[in-house]
Amino acid sequence: MLLTGANTGIGLATPEVLAARGARVWLDCRSEERDRPVLERLRASGGGVEFLSIDLADLASVRAAAGRFLATGEPLHVFINNAGVAGRSGLTPQGFELTFGTNHLGPFLFTTLLLDRLRGPGR
């Protein structure tokens, strides 16, 4: 299972349940330091939990994260695009409006790059 925005709300509750059931969970977030308490709690519940650094506002980061995951060779049975921002202004590194880039362009690119894995050995 691969999940973006896995540090609060639904993004935290979902991997908690699945990790407790023994699922292998990849948490895709911007900061490992910020998400370390979540990682430790999920690992203690018995599931295999990995961190994957990604900044959905930066398309280069999205490409790099997809490449790192694909290089593992692991199947992708569940993919949840949960991350997003609201109420922030600015531009992405590629010059798009920040909310549009983070909530739409980044997740679209990430999904597109992982489609073959989703169609392949995943269920």
Protein backbone atom coordinates (compact mmCIF):
# COMPACT_ATOMS: atom_id res chain seq x y z
CA MET A 1 0.00 0.00 0.00
CA LEU A 2 1.26 3.46 -0.90
CA LEU A 3 -0.31 6.51 0.78
CA THR A 4 0.42 10.21 0.34
CA GLY A 5 -0.24 12.61 3.21
CA ALA A 6 0.07 9.98 5.91
CA ASN A 7 0.56 12.04 9.05
CA THR A 8 -2.91 13.26 10.14
CA GLY A 9 -6.61 12.50 9.78
CA ILE A 10 -7.66 9.86 7.28
CA GLY A 11 -4.08 9.70 6.05
CA LEU A 12 -3.04 8.47 9.50
CA ALA A 13 -6.05 6.29 10.34
CA THR A 14 -5.83 4.26 7.12
CA PRO A 15 -2.26 2.98 7.51
CA GLU A 16 -2.80 2.43 11.25
CA VAL A 17 -5.54 -0.11 10.53
CA LEU A 18 -3.70 -1.78 7.67
CA ALA A 19 -0.34 -1.95 9.47
CA ALA A 20 -2.06 -3.51 12.48
CA ARG A 21 -3.32 -6.21 10.11
CA GLY A 22 0.21 -6.88 8.89
CA ALA A 23 0.14 -4.90 5.64
CA ARG A 24 3.30 -3.45 4.16
CA VAL A 25 2.72 0.30 4.06
CA TRP A 26 4.68 3.05 2.30
CA LEU A 27 4.11 6.51 3.77
CA ASP A 28 4.76 9.24 1.23
CA CYS A 29 5.36 12.56 2.97
CA ARG A 30 7.56 15.63 2.69
CA SER A 31 9.46 15.26 5.95
CA GLU A 32 10.70 12.05 7.57
CA GLU A 33 11.55 13.99 10.71
CA ARG A 34 7.97 15.25 11.04
CA ASP A 35 6.56 11.80 10.31
CA ARG A 36 8.97 9.83 12.48
CA PRO A 37 6.45 9.47 15.38
CA VAL A 38 3.90 8.07 12.94
CA LEU A 39 6.45 5.65 11.47
CA GLU A 40 7.49 4.43 14.91
CA ARG A 41 3.90 3.95 16.07
CA LEU A 42 2.98 2.00 12.93
CA ARG A 43 6.10 -0.16 13.10
CA ALA A 44 5.26 -1.00 16.72
CA SER A 45 1.84 -2.25 15.60
CA GLY A 46 3.47 -5.02 13.58
CA GLY A 47 3.19 -3.85 9.99
CA GLY A 48 6.10 -3.28 7.66
CA VAL A 49 6.26 0.48 7.25
CA GLU A 50 8.56 2.44 4.94
CA PHE A 51 9.01 6.17 4.36
CA LEU A 52 9.12 7.66 0.88
CA SER A 53 10.07 11.33 0.64
CA ILE A 54 7.89 13.28 -1.78
CA ASP A 55 6.89 16.90 -2.23
CA LEU A 56 3.82 16.89 -4.46
CA ALA A 57 4.32 20.58 -5.23
CA ASP A 58 7.63 19.78 -6.94
CA LEU A 59 7.30 17.62 -10.05
CA ALA A 60 11.00 16.69 -9.87
CA SER A 61 10.40 15.32 -6.37
CA VAL A 62 7.37 13.40 -7.63
CA ARG A 63 9.41 11.80 -10.43
CA ALA A 64 12.20 10.91 -8.01
CA ALA A 65 9.80 9.35 -5.48
CA ALA A 66 8.09 7.29 -8.17
CA GLY A 67 11.48 6.12 -9.40
CA ARG A 68 12.57 5.13 -5.88
CA PHE A 69 9.39 3.13 -5.31
CA LEU A 70 9.50 1.44 -8.72
CA ALA A 71 13.14 0.49 -8.13
CA THR A 72 12.09 -1.60 -5.11
CA GLY A 73 10.25 -4.01 -7.41
CA GLU A 74 7.43 -4.30 -4.88
CA PRO A 75 3.87 -4.82 -6.10
CA LEU A 76 1.41 -1.99 -5.57
CA HIS A 77 -1.93 -3.37 -4.41
CA VAL A 78 -3.38 -0.18 -2.92
CA PHE A 79 -2.55 3.43 -3.80
CA ILE A 80 -4.24 6.32 -1.98
CA ASN A 81 -3.64 9.93 -3.02
CA ASN A 82 -4.58 11.67 0.22
CA ALA A 83 -2.14 14.61 0.52
CA GLY A 84 -3.21 18.14 -0.19
CA VAL A 85 -2.95 21.74 0.91
CA ALA A 86 -5.48 24.50 1.51
CA GLY A 87 -5.16 28.16 2.28
CA ARG A 88 -1.57 28.53 1.16
CA SER A 89 -0.41 30.86 -1.57
CA GLY A 90 2.63 30.82 -3.74
CA LEU A 91 4.09 29.00 -6.70
CA THR A 92 5.54 25.55 -7.18
CA PRO A 93 9.17 25.23 -8.30
CA GLN A 94 7.84 24.77 -11.84
CA GLY A 95 5.81 28.02 -11.63
CA PHE A 96 2.28 26.65 -11.11
CA GLU A 97 -0.06 28.01 -8.46
CA LEU A 98 0.81 26.11 -5.24
CA THR A 99 -2.59 24.61 -4.41
CA PHE A 100 -3.20 23.50 -8.01
CA GLY A 101 0.28 22.02 -8.26
CA THR A 102 0.09 20.18 -4.94
CA ASN A 103 -3.50 18.98 -5.09
CA HIS A 104 -3.77 18.16 -8.79
CA LEU A 105 -0.60 18.18 -10.89
CA GLY A 106 1.62 16.31 -8.41
CA PRO A 107 -0.89 13.53 -7.66
CA PHE A 108 -1.73 13.17 -11.38
CA LEU A 109 1.94 12.77 -12.30
CA PHE A 110 2.60 10.38 -9.40
CA THR A 111 -0.36 8.20 -10.39
CA THR A 112 0.64 8.24 -14.05
CA LEU A 113 4.20 7.17 -13.22
CA LEU A 114 2.92 4.27 -11.07
CA LEU A 115 0.20 3.03 -13.44
CA ASP A 116 2.19 0.11 -14.82
CA ARG A 117 2.85 -1.17 -11.30
CA LEU A 118 -0.82 -0.77 -10.42
CA ARG A 119 -1.84 -2.74 -13.49
CA GLY A 120 0.98 -5.27 -13.13
CA PRO A 121 1.49 -7.52 -10.14
CA GLY A 122 -1.01 -5.59 -8.00
CA ARG A 123 -4.50 -6.94 -7.42
